[in-house]
């Protein structure tokens, strides 16, 4: 199976569908990532705060897959923004991942109350120049955060990884990203099971029409919208199911119907607001 790639604003390609290890227990991570790699995933998304970078690294090392075929992302946690902490943090992550560099390094949250995300971004630019990260980006950044770091440094993030699912599409962020060449990565692409997404007629009807599961329909919606997604599962059959989204296409009407699930007032958010995370 060939997973499509999208090109980032720095010229590098990223697989559009990957495997996320958020909330995968550290003890299960090596097995889960090994299975994901066996099934065909080549893009792994982790973070320092997940506590499972060691498992990701072990699975990669044992897989025998050439490094250039893999795309690995990790993230800078909120208490490492100041001083030279970003450099220390990425080196710790690289040691755990058993890698010389990551393909993408992200600021995990802007933590605006601390007012140090601009400094963190300046440090990520240095880390990229030092060869420790091939591409750099942000996560959970809203338009004011994005405008500030780009205005101050002239460097635009390759991606912004945000909560994005049919009930919460963050169109102000995605519109800004599209206008400025930033790729959107959707975390929680299926709403984290916190509302009955699969019971909504727009999703159910499309699933029936294409003889696919509701989850596959929503992942296909993300793919056709241009989002980069990495659904999480620790079950091999679900890993395979999540990859099986490239043999059908939603119609324009089906896309619009899923678009219309979002009430547009922010009430569909299922996790923390970026301005409130410290």
C-alpha atoms as a PDB file:
ATOM      1  CA  UNK A   1       0.000   0.000   0.000  1.00  0.00           C
ATOM      2  CA  UNK A   2       1.249   3.462  -0.911  1.00  0.00           C
ATOM      3  CA  UNK A   3       0.223   6.197   1.511  1.00  0.00           C
ATOM      4  CA  UNK A   4       0.039   9.590  -0.206  1.00  0.00           C
ATOM      5  CA  UNK A   5       2.378  12.352   0.889  1.00  0.00           C
ATOM      6  CA  UNK A   6       1.914  16.099   1.029  1.00  0.00           C
ATOM      7  CA  UNK A   7       4.685  18.619   0.599  1.00  0.00           C
ATOM      8  CA  UNK A   8       5.603  20.949   3.435  1.00  0.00           C
ATOM      9  CA  UNK A   9       6.603  24.577   2.924  1.00  0.00           C
ATOM     10  CA  UNK A  10      10.269  23.647   3.397  1.00  0.00           C
ATOM     11  CA  UNK A  11      10.156  21.222   0.458  1.00  0.00           C
ATOM     12  CA  UNK A  12      10.054  17.989   2.443  1.00  0.00           C
ATOM     13  CA  UNK A  13       7.260  15.428   2.087  1.00  0.00           C
ATOM     14  CA  UNK A  14       5.195  13.974   4.924  1.00  0.00           C
ATOM     15  CA  UNK A  15       2.946  10.883   4.750  1.00  0.00           C
ATOM     16  CA  UNK A  16      -0.637  12.112   5.014  1.00  0.00           C
ATOM     17  CA  UNK A  17      -1.741   9.211   7.218  1.00  0.00           C
ATOM     18  CA  UNK A  18       0.357   8.159  10.181  1.00  0.00           C
ATOM     19  CA  UNK A  19       0.183   6.413  13.523  1.00  0.00           C
ATOM     20  CA  UNK A  20      -0.211   8.437  16.716  1.00  0.00           C
ATOM     21  CA  UNK A  21       0.829   7.062  20.096  1.00  0.00           C
ATOM     22  CA  UNK A  22      -1.002   9.542  22.347  1.00  0.00           C
ATOM     23  CA  UNK A  23      -2.143   7.626  25.451  1.00  0.00           C
ATOM     24  CA  UNK A  24      -0.535   4.382  24.272  1.00  0.00           C
ATOM     25  CA  UNK A  25       0.905   2.993  27.536  1.00  0.00           C
ATOM     26  CA  UNK A  26       4.710   2.922  27.523  1.00  0.00           C
ATOM     27  CA  UNK A  27       4.684  -0.825  28.161  1.00  0.00           C
ATOM     28  CA  UNK A  28       2.568  -1.384  25.036  1.00  0.00           C
ATOM     29  CA  UNK A  29       4.225   1.121  22.719  1.00  0.00           C
ATOM     30  CA  UNK A  30       6.973  -1.030  21.223  1.00  0.00           C
ATOM     31  CA  UNK A  31       4.498  -3.765  20.275  1.00  0.00           C
ATOM     32  CA  UNK A  32       1.924  -1.289  18.957  1.00  0.00           C
ATOM     33  CA  UNK A  33       4.421   0.632  16.828  1.00  0.00           C
ATOM     34  CA  UNK A  34       5.973  -2.602  15.566  1.00  0.00           C
ATOM     35  CA  UNK A  35       2.524  -3.754  14.423  1.00  0.00           C
ATOM     36  CA  UNK A  36       1.818  -0.393  12.810  1.00  0.00           C
ATOM     37  CA  UNK A  37       5.078  -0.626  10.868  1.00  0.00           C
ATOM     38  CA  UNK A  38       4.294  -4.210   9.837  1.00  0.00           C
ATOM     39  CA  UNK A  39       0.850  -3.158   8.578  1.00  0.00           C
ATOM     40  CA  UNK A  40       2.369  -0.397   6.475  1.00  0.00           C
ATOM     41  CA  UNK A  41       2.562   2.826   8.480  1.00  0.00           C
ATOM     42  CA  UNK A  42       5.716   4.879   8.000  1.00  0.00           C
ATOM     43  CA  UNK A  43       4.795   8.054   9.903  1.00  0.00           C
ATOM     44  CA  UNK A  44       4.906   7.900  13.729  1.00  0.00           C
ATOM     45  CA  UNK A  45       3.783  10.809  15.909  1.00  0.00           C
ATOM     46  CA  UNK A  46       4.888  10.888  19.559  1.00  0.00           C
ATOM     47  CA  UNK A  47       5.801  13.509  22.177  1.00  0.00           C
ATOM     48  CA  UNK A  48       8.043  13.835  25.200  1.00  0.00           C
ATOM     49  CA  UNK A  49       5.040  14.136  27.512  1.00  0.00           C
ATOM     50  CA  UNK A  50       3.575  10.847  26.255  1.00  0.00           C
ATOM     51  CA  UNK A  51       6.351   8.984  28.069  1.00  0.00           C
ATOM     52  CA  UNK A  52       6.671   6.418  25.289  1.00  0.00           C
ATOM     53  CA  UNK A  53       9.483   7.665  23.057  1.00  0.00           C
ATOM     54  CA  UNK A  54      11.653   4.713  24.166  1.00  0.00           C
ATOM     55  CA  UNK A  55       9.084   2.248  22.848  1.00  0.00           C
ATOM     56  CA  UNK A  56       8.867   4.062  19.547  1.00  0.00           C
ATOM     57  CA  UNK A  57      12.649   4.008  19.240  1.00  0.00           C
ATOM     58  CA  UNK A  58      12.914   0.328  20.068  1.00  0.00           C
ATOM     59  CA  UNK A  59      10.288  -0.599  17.491  1.00  0.00           C
ATOM     60  CA  UNK A  60      11.957   1.470  14.804  1.00  0.00           C
ATOM     61  CA  UNK A  61      15.380  -0.004  15.531  1.00  0.00           C
ATOM     62  CA  UNK A  62      14.086  -3.589  15.419  1.00  0.00           C
ATOM     63  CA  UNK A  63      11.950  -3.059  12.322  1.00  0.00           C
ATOM     64  CA  UNK A  64      14.851  -3.081   9.864  1.00  0.00           C
ATOM     65  CA  UNK A  65      13.091  -0.372   7.844  1.00  0.00           C
ATOM     66  CA  UNK A  66      15.591   2.080   6.319  1.00  0.00           C
ATOM     67  CA  UNK A  67      15.592   5.392   8.170  1.00  0.00           C
ATOM     68  CA  UNK A  68      14.817   7.402   5.024  1.00  0.00           C
ATOM     69  CA  UNK A  69      11.518   5.533   4.659  1.00  0.00           C
ATOM     70  CA  UNK A  70      10.289   6.675   8.082  1.00  0.00           C
ATOM     71  CA  UNK A  71       8.857   9.979   9.256  1.00  0.00           C
ATOM     72  CA  UNK A  72       9.121  10.558  13.010  1.00  0.00           C
ATOM     73  CA  UNK A  73       7.619  13.480  14.931  1.00  0.00           C
ATOM     74  CA  UNK A  74       8.072  14.404  18.576  1.00  0.00           C
ATOM     75  CA  UNK A  75       7.270  17.516  20.590  1.00  0.00           C
ATOM     76  CA  UNK A  76       8.698  20.017  23.067  1.00  0.00           C
ATOM     77  CA  UNK A  77       6.773  20.038  26.329  1.00  0.00           C
ATOM     78  CA  UNK A  78       5.485  23.166  28.037  1.00  0.00           C
ATOM     79  CA  UNK A  79       8.076  23.366  30.817  1.00  0.00           C
ATOM     80  CA  UNK A  80      11.032  23.327  28.399  1.00  0.00           C
ATOM     81  CA  UNK A  81      10.458  26.599  26.493  1.00  0.00           C
ATOM     82  CA  UNK A  82      12.928  28.826  28.362  1.00  0.00           C
ATOM     83  CA  UNK A  83      16.665  29.338  27.991  1.00  0.00           C
ATOM     84  CA  UNK A  84      18.481  26.446  26.339  1.00  0.00           C
ATOM     85  CA  UNK A  85      15.882  23.928  27.471  1.00  0.00           C
ATOM     86  CA  UNK A  86      14.614  23.231  23.933  1.00  0.00           C
ATOM     87  CA  UNK A  87      18.085  21.997  22.919  1.00  0.00           C
ATOM     88  CA  UNK A  88      18.360  19.794  25.999  1.00  0.00           C
ATOM     89  CA  UNK A  89      14.837  18.487  25.469  1.00  0.00           C
ATOM     90  CA  UNK A  90      15.313  17.463  21.852  1.00  0.00           C
ATOM     91  CA  UNK A  91      18.566  15.699  22.672  1.00  0.00           C
ATOM     92  CA  UNK A  92      16.796  13.735  25.409  1.00  0.00           C
ATOM     93  CA  UNK A  93      14.059  12.805  22.950  1.00  0.00           C
ATOM     94  CA  UNK A  94      16.595  11.756  20.319  1.00  0.00           C
ATOM     95  CA  UNK A  95      18.376   9.529  22.842  1.00  0.00           C
ATOM     96  CA  UNK A  96      15.095   7.823  23.707  1.00  0.00           C
ATOM     97  CA  UNK A  97      14.120   7.481  20.050  1.00  0.00           C
ATOM     98  CA  UNK A  98      17.636   6.242  19.159  1.00  0.00           C
ATOM     99  CA  UNK A  99      17.752   8.734  16.296  1.00  0.00           C
ATOM    100  CA  UNK A 100      20.221  11.375  15.162  1.00  0.00           C
ATOM    101  CA  UNK A 101      17.392  13.710  14.155  1.00  0.00           C
ATOM    102  CA  UNK A 102      13.623  13.809  13.961  1.00  0.00           C
ATOM    103  CA  UNK A 103      11.758  14.591  10.786  1.00  0.00           C
ATOM    104  CA  UNK A 104       9.477  17.066  12.558  1.00  0.00           C
ATOM    105  CA  UNK A 105       9.768  18.801  15.929  1.00  0.00           C
ATOM    106  CA  UNK A 106       6.819  20.725  17.330  1.00  0.00           C
ATOM    107  CA  UNK A 107       6.126  23.130  20.170  1.00  0.00           C
ATOM    108  CA  UNK A 108       3.398  21.135  21.910  1.00  0.00           C
ATOM    109  CA  UNK A 109       1.317  24.053  23.289  1.00  0.00           C
ATOM    110  CA  UNK A 110       1.820  27.828  23.107  1.00  0.00           C
ATOM    111  CA  UNK A 111       1.197  28.343  26.870  1.00  0.00           C
ATOM    112  CA  UNK A 112       0.501  32.055  26.282  1.00  0.00           C
ATOM    113  CA  UNK A 113       0.195  32.822  30.002  1.00  0.00           C
ATOM    114  CA  UNK A 114       3.949  32.170  30.271  1.00  0.00           C
ATOM    115  CA  UNK A 115       4.668  34.307  27.220  1.00  0.00           C
ATOM    116  CA  UNK A 116       7.662  32.226  26.149  1.00  0.00           C
ATOM    117  CA  UNK A 117       6.485  30.478  22.990  1.00  0.00           C
ATOM    118  CA  UNK A 118       8.260  33.003  20.767  1.00  0.00           C
ATOM    119  CA  UNK A 119      11.560  32.185  22.492  1.00  0.00           C
ATOM    120  CA  UNK A 120      10.818  28.477  22.043  1.00  0.00           C
ATOM    121  CA  UNK A 121      10.174  29.042  18.332  1.00  0.00           C
ATOM    122  CA  UNK A 122      13.455  30.921  17.953  1.00  0.00           C
ATOM    123  CA  UNK A 123      15.213  27.938  19.558  1.00  0.00           C
ATOM    124  CA  UNK A 124      13.485  25.473  17.220  1.00  0.00           C
ATOM    125  CA  UNK A 125      14.830  27.448  14.289  1.00  0.00           C
ATOM    126  CA  UNK A 126      18.316  26.970  15.749  1.00  0.00           C
ATOM    127  CA  UNK A 127      17.698  23.240  16.256  1.00  0.00           C
ATOM    128  CA  UNK A 128      16.705  22.896  12.620  1.00  0.00           C
ATOM    129  CA  UNK A 129      19.883  24.710  11.561  1.00  0.00           C
ATOM    130  CA  UNK A 130      21.895  22.344  13.770  1.00  0.00           C
ATOM    131  CA  UNK A 131      20.401  19.339  11.964  1.00  0.00           C
ATOM    132  CA  UNK A 132      18.525  17.924  14.955  1.00  0.00           C
ATOM    133  CA  UNK A 133      15.139  18.382  13.269  1.00  0.00           C
ATOM    134  CA  UNK A 134      14.559  18.378   9.537  1.00  0.00           C
ATOM    135  CA  UNK A 135      11.296  20.320   9.753  1.00  0.00           C
ATOM    136  CA  UNK A 136       9.823  22.392  12.577  1.00  0.00           C
ATOM    137  CA  UNK A 137       6.294  23.341  13.454  1.00  0.00           C
ATOM    138  CA  UNK A 138       3.803  23.997  16.194  1.00  0.00           C
ATOM    139  CA  UNK A 139       0.834  22.349  17.841  1.00  0.00           C
ATOM    140  CA  UNK A 140      -2.330  23.935  19.226  1.00  0.00           C
ATOM    141  CA  UNK A 141      -1.356  27.404  17.997  1.00  0.00           C
ATOM    142  CA  UNK A 142      -4.179  29.809  17.226  1.00  0.00           C
ATOM    143  CA  UNK A 143      -3.965  32.623  14.681  1.00  0.00           C
ATOM    144  CA  UNK A 144      -2.574  35.278  17.105  1.00  0.00           C
ATOM    145  CA  UNK A 145       0.190  32.873  18.191  1.00  0.00           C
ATOM    146  CA  UNK A 146       1.037  32.044  14.580  1.00  0.00           C
ATOM    147  CA  UNK A 147       1.071  35.676  13.494  1.00  0.00           C
ATOM    148  CA  UNK A 148       3.381  36.591  16.343  1.00  0.00           C
ATOM    149  CA  UNK A 149       6.062  33.989  15.705  1.00  0.00           C
ATOM    150  CA  UNK A 150       6.064  34.507  11.948  1.00  0.00           C
ATOM    151  CA  UNK A 151       6.089  38.282  12.311  1.00  0.00           C
ATOM    152  CA  UNK A 152       9.006  38.170  14.740  1.00  0.00           C
ATOM    153  CA  UNK A 153      11.190  35.598  12.987  1.00  0.00           C
ATOM    154  CA  UNK A 154      10.097  35.482   9.359  1.00  0.00           C
ATOM    155  CA  UNK A 155       9.995  31.677   9.675  1.00  0.00           C
ATOM    156  CA  UNK A 156       6.654  30.006   9.033  1.00  0.00           C
ATOM    157  CA  UNK A 157       5.926  26.652  10.728  1.00  0.00           C
ATOM    158  CA  UNK A 158       5.739  23.662   8.426  1.00  0.00           C
ATOM    159  CA  UNK A 159       2.644  22.400  10.259  1.00  0.00           C
ATOM    160  CA  UNK A 160       0.173  23.331  12.965  1.00  0.00           C
ATOM    161  CA  UNK A 161      -1.162  20.252  14.722  1.00  0.00           C
ATOM    162  CA  UNK A 162      -4.583  21.111  16.147  1.00  0.00           C
ATOM    163  CA  UNK A 163      -7.695  19.462  17.503  1.00  0.00           C
ATOM    164  CA  UNK A 164      -9.757  18.965  14.382  1.00  0.00           C
ATOM    165  CA  UNK A 165     -12.738  16.710  13.743  1.00  0.00           C
ATOM    166  CA  UNK A 166     -16.165  17.246  12.150  1.00  0.00           C
ATOM    167  CA  UNK A 167     -17.677  18.999  15.188  1.00  0.00           C
ATOM    168  CA  UNK A 168     -14.687  21.314  15.661  1.00  0.00           C
ATOM    169  CA  UNK A 169     -13.008  22.334  12.419  1.00  0.00           C
ATOM    170  CA  UNK A 170     -11.245  25.551  13.525  1.00  0.00           C
ATOM    171  CA  UNK A 171     -11.830  27.284  10.199  1.00  0.00           C
ATOM    172  CA  UNK A 172     -10.135  30.493  11.273  1.00  0.00           C
ATOM    173  CA  UNK A 173      -6.905  28.546  11.893  1.00  0.00           C
ATOM    174  CA  UNK A 174      -7.209  26.387   8.791  1.00  0.00           C
ATOM    175  CA  UNK A 175      -7.953  29.412   6.593  1.00  0.00           C
ATOM    176  CA  UNK A 176      -4.872  31.215   7.946  1.00  0.00           C
ATOM    177  CA  UNK A 177      -2.782  28.104   7.439  1.00  0.00           C
ATOM    178  CA  UNK A 178      -3.954  27.681   3.850  1.00  0.00           C
ATOM    179  CA  UNK A 179      -3.163  31.315   3.086  1.00  0.00           C
ATOM    180  CA  UNK A 180       0.323  31.043   4.591  1.00  0.00           C
ATOM    181  CA  UNK A 181       1.466  27.635   3.383  1.00  0.00           C
ATOM    182  CA  UNK A 182       1.131  25.817   6.713  1.00  0.00           C
ATOM    183  CA  UNK A 183      -0.081  22.218   6.637  1.00  0.00           C
ATOM    184  CA  UNK A 184      -2.731  21.198   9.139  1.00  0.00           C
ATOM    185  CA  UNK A 185      -2.308  18.043  11.188  1.00  0.00           C
ATOM    186  CA  UNK A 186      -5.531  16.904  12.844  1.00  0.00           C
ATOM    187  CA  UNK A 187      -5.247  15.376  16.291  1.00  0.00           C
ATOM    188  CA  UNK A 188      -8.316  13.699  17.710  1.00  0.00           C
ATOM    189  CA  UNK A 189      -9.510  13.245  14.102  1.00  0.00           C
ATOM    190  CA  UNK A 190     -12.422  11.059  15.225  1.00  0.00           C
ATOM    191  CA  UNK A 191     -13.412  13.264  18.155  1.00  0.00           C
ATOM    192  CA  UNK A 192     -11.782  10.948  20.717  1.00  0.00           C
ATOM    193  CA  UNK A 193     -15.109   9.152  21.149  1.00  0.00           C
ATOM    194  CA  UNK A 194     -16.443  12.099  23.168  1.00  0.00           C
ATOM    195  CA  UNK A 195     -19.579  12.549  21.065  1.00  0.00           C
ATOM    196  CA  UNK A 196     -21.636  10.316  18.799  1.00  0.00           C
ATOM    197  CA  UNK A 197     -19.818  11.222  15.610  1.00  0.00           C
ATOM    198  CA  UNK A 198     -20.522   7.884  13.985  1.00  0.00           C
ATOM    199  CA  UNK A 199     -24.252   8.222  14.645  1.00  0.00           C
ATOM    200  CA  UNK A 200     -24.586  11.515  12.767  1.00  0.00           C
ATOM    201  CA  UNK A 201     -26.562  10.962   9.520  1.00  0.00           C
ATOM    202  CA  UNK A 202     -23.957  12.629   7.287  1.00  0.00           C
ATOM    203  CA  UNK A 203     -21.384  10.096   8.467  1.00  0.00           C
ATOM    204  CA  UNK A 204     -23.694   7.088   8.676  1.00  0.00           C
ATOM    205  CA  UNK A 205     -25.166   7.680   5.233  1.00  0.00           C
ATOM    206  CA  UNK A 206     -21.754   8.046   3.584  1.00  0.00           C
ATOM    207  CA  UNK A 207     -20.534   4.889   5.310  1.00  0.00           C
ATOM    208  CA  UNK A 208     -23.525   2.964   4.004  1.00  0.00           C
ATOM    209  CA  UNK A 209     -23.127   4.366   0.504  1.00  0.00           C
ATOM    210  CA  UNK A 210     -19.477   3.363   0.266  1.00  0.00           C
ATOM    211  CA  UNK A 211     -19.706   0.152   2.315  1.00  0.00           C
ATOM    212  CA  UNK A 212     -17.132   1.523   4.712  1.00  0.00           C
ATOM    213  CA  UNK A 213     -17.118   2.065   8.461  1.00  0.00           C
ATOM    214  CA  UNK A 214     -18.020   5.500   9.859  1.00  0.00           C
ATOM    215  CA  UNK A 215     -14.418   5.860  11.063  1.00  0.00           C
ATOM    216  CA  UNK A 216     -13.123   5.237   7.556  1.00  0.00           C
ATOM    217  CA  UNK A 217     -15.514   7.852   6.174  1.00  0.00           C
ATOM    218  CA  UNK A 218     -14.312  10.494   8.644  1.00  0.00           C
ATOM    219  CA  UNK A 219     -10.662   9.688   7.944  1.00  0.00           C
ATOM    220  CA  UNK A 220     -11.393   9.915   4.213  1.00  0.00           C
ATOM    221  CA  UNK A 221     -13.039  13.318   4.812  1.00  0.00           C
ATOM    222  CA  UNK A 222      -9.796  14.480   6.473  1.00  0.00           C
ATOM    223  CA  UNK A 223      -7.702  13.146   3.596  1.00  0.00           C
ATOM    224  CA  UNK A 224      -9.823  14.905   0.987  1.00  0.00           C
ATOM    225  CA  UNK A 225      -9.698  18.131   3.002  1.00  0.00           C
ATOM    226  CA  UNK A 226      -5.889  17.921   2.852  1.00  0.00           C
ATOM    227  CA  UNK A 227      -5.391  17.264   6.565  1.00  0.00           C
ATOM    228  CA  UNK A 228      -2.573  15.077   7.860  1.00  0.00           C
ATOM    229  CA  UNK A 229      -4.022  12.525  10.278  1.00  0.00           C
ATOM    230  CA  UNK A 230      -2.701   9.901  12.666  1.00  0.00           C
ATOM    231  CA  UNK A 231      -5.492   7.987  14.385  1.00  0.00           C
ATOM    232  CA  UNK A 232      -4.493   5.975  17.439  1.00  0.00           C
ATOM    233  CA  UNK A 233      -5.294   2.324  18.029  1.00  0.00           C
ATOM    234  CA  UNK A 234      -3.568  -0.547  19.787  1.00  0.00           C
ATOM    235  CA  UNK A 235      -5.522  -3.221  17.863  1.00  0.00           C
ATOM    236  CA  UNK A 236      -4.044  -4.626  14.684  1.00  0.00           C
ATOM    237  CA  UNK A 237      -7.392  -4.949  12.927  1.00  0.00           C
ATOM    238  CA  UNK A 238      -8.160  -1.286  13.609  1.00  0.00           C
ATOM    239  CA  UNK A 239      -4.689  -0.288  12.408  1.00  0.00           C
ATOM    240  CA  UNK A 240      -5.461  -2.027   9.137  1.00  0.00           C
ATOM    241  CA  UNK A 241      -8.951  -0.543   8.935  1.00  0.00           C
ATOM    242  CA  UNK A 242      -7.614   2.978   9.379  1.00  0.00           C
ATOM    243  CA  UNK A 243      -5.257   2.477   6.431  1.00  0.00           C
ATOM    244  CA  UNK A 244      -8.047   1.209   4.173  1.00  0.00           C
ATOM    245  CA  UNK A 245      -9.270   4.648   3.125  1.00  0.00           C
ATOM    246  CA  UNK A 246      -7.635   5.104  -0.264  1.00  0.00           C
ATOM    247  CA  UNK A 247      -9.922   3.001  -2.447  1.00  0.00           C
ATOM    248  CA  UNK A 248     -12.973   5.272  -2.362  1.00  0.00           C
ATOM    249  CA  UNK A 249     -13.801   8.957  -2.613  1.00  0.00           C
ATOM    250  CA  UNK A 250     -16.493  11.014  -0.940  1.00  0.00           C
ATOM    251  CA  UNK A 251     -18.645  13.127  -3.218  1.00  0.00           C
ATOM    252  CA  UNK A 252     -18.729  16.902  -2.942  1.00  0.00           C
ATOM    253  CA  UNK A 253     -22.168  16.621  -1.350  1.00  0.00           C
ATOM    254  CA  UNK A 254     -20.912  14.117   1.224  1.00  0.00           C
ATOM    255  CA  UNK A 255     -17.974  16.385   2.060  1.00  0.00           C
ATOM    256  CA  UNK A 256     -20.312  19.367   2.509  1.00  0.00           C
ATOM    257  CA  UNK A 257     -22.655  17.361   4.729  1.00  0.00           C
ATOM    258  CA  UNK A 258     -19.772  16.470   7.067  1.00  0.00           C
ATOM    259  CA  UNK A 259     -18.518  20.056   6.909  1.00  0.00           C
ATOM    260  CA  UNK A 260     -21.929  21.151   8.185  1.00  0.00           C
ATOM    261  CA  UNK A 261     -21.595  19.113  11.396  1.00  0.00           C
ATOM    262  CA  UNK A 262     -19.537  21.911  12.943  1.00  0.00           C
ATOM    263  CA  UNK A 263     -21.880  24.434  14.622  1.00  0.00           C
ATOM    264  CA  UNK A 264     -19.217  27.084  14.044  1.00  0.00           C
ATOM    265  CA  UNK A 265     -19.265  28.478  17.572  1.00  0.00           C
ATOM    266  CA  UNK A 266     -16.435  26.444  19.109  1.00  0.00           C
ATOM    267  CA  UNK A 267     -18.798  24.336  21.177  1.00  0.00           C
ATOM    268  CA  UNK A 268     -17.594  21.155  19.514  1.00  0.00           C
ATOM    269  CA  UNK A 269     -14.163  21.311  21.152  1.00  0.00           C
ATOM    270  CA  UNK A 270     -13.574  18.149  23.205  1.00  0.00           C
ATOM    271  CA  UNK A 271     -10.224  19.032  24.761  1.00  0.00           C
ATOM    272  CA  UNK A 272      -8.506  22.024  26.355  1.00  0.00           C
ATOM    273  CA  UNK A 273      -8.501  25.501  24.845  1.00  0.00           C
ATOM    274  CA  UNK A 274      -4.942  26.475  23.868  1.00  0.00           C
ATOM    275  CA  UNK A 275      -5.143  29.773  25.717  1.00  0.00           C
ATOM    276  CA  UNK A 276      -5.879  27.927  28.959  1.00  0.00           C
ATOM    277  CA  UNK A 277      -3.128  25.306  28.877  1.00  0.00           C
ATOM    278  CA  UNK A 278      -0.062  25.973  31.013  1.00  0.00           C
END
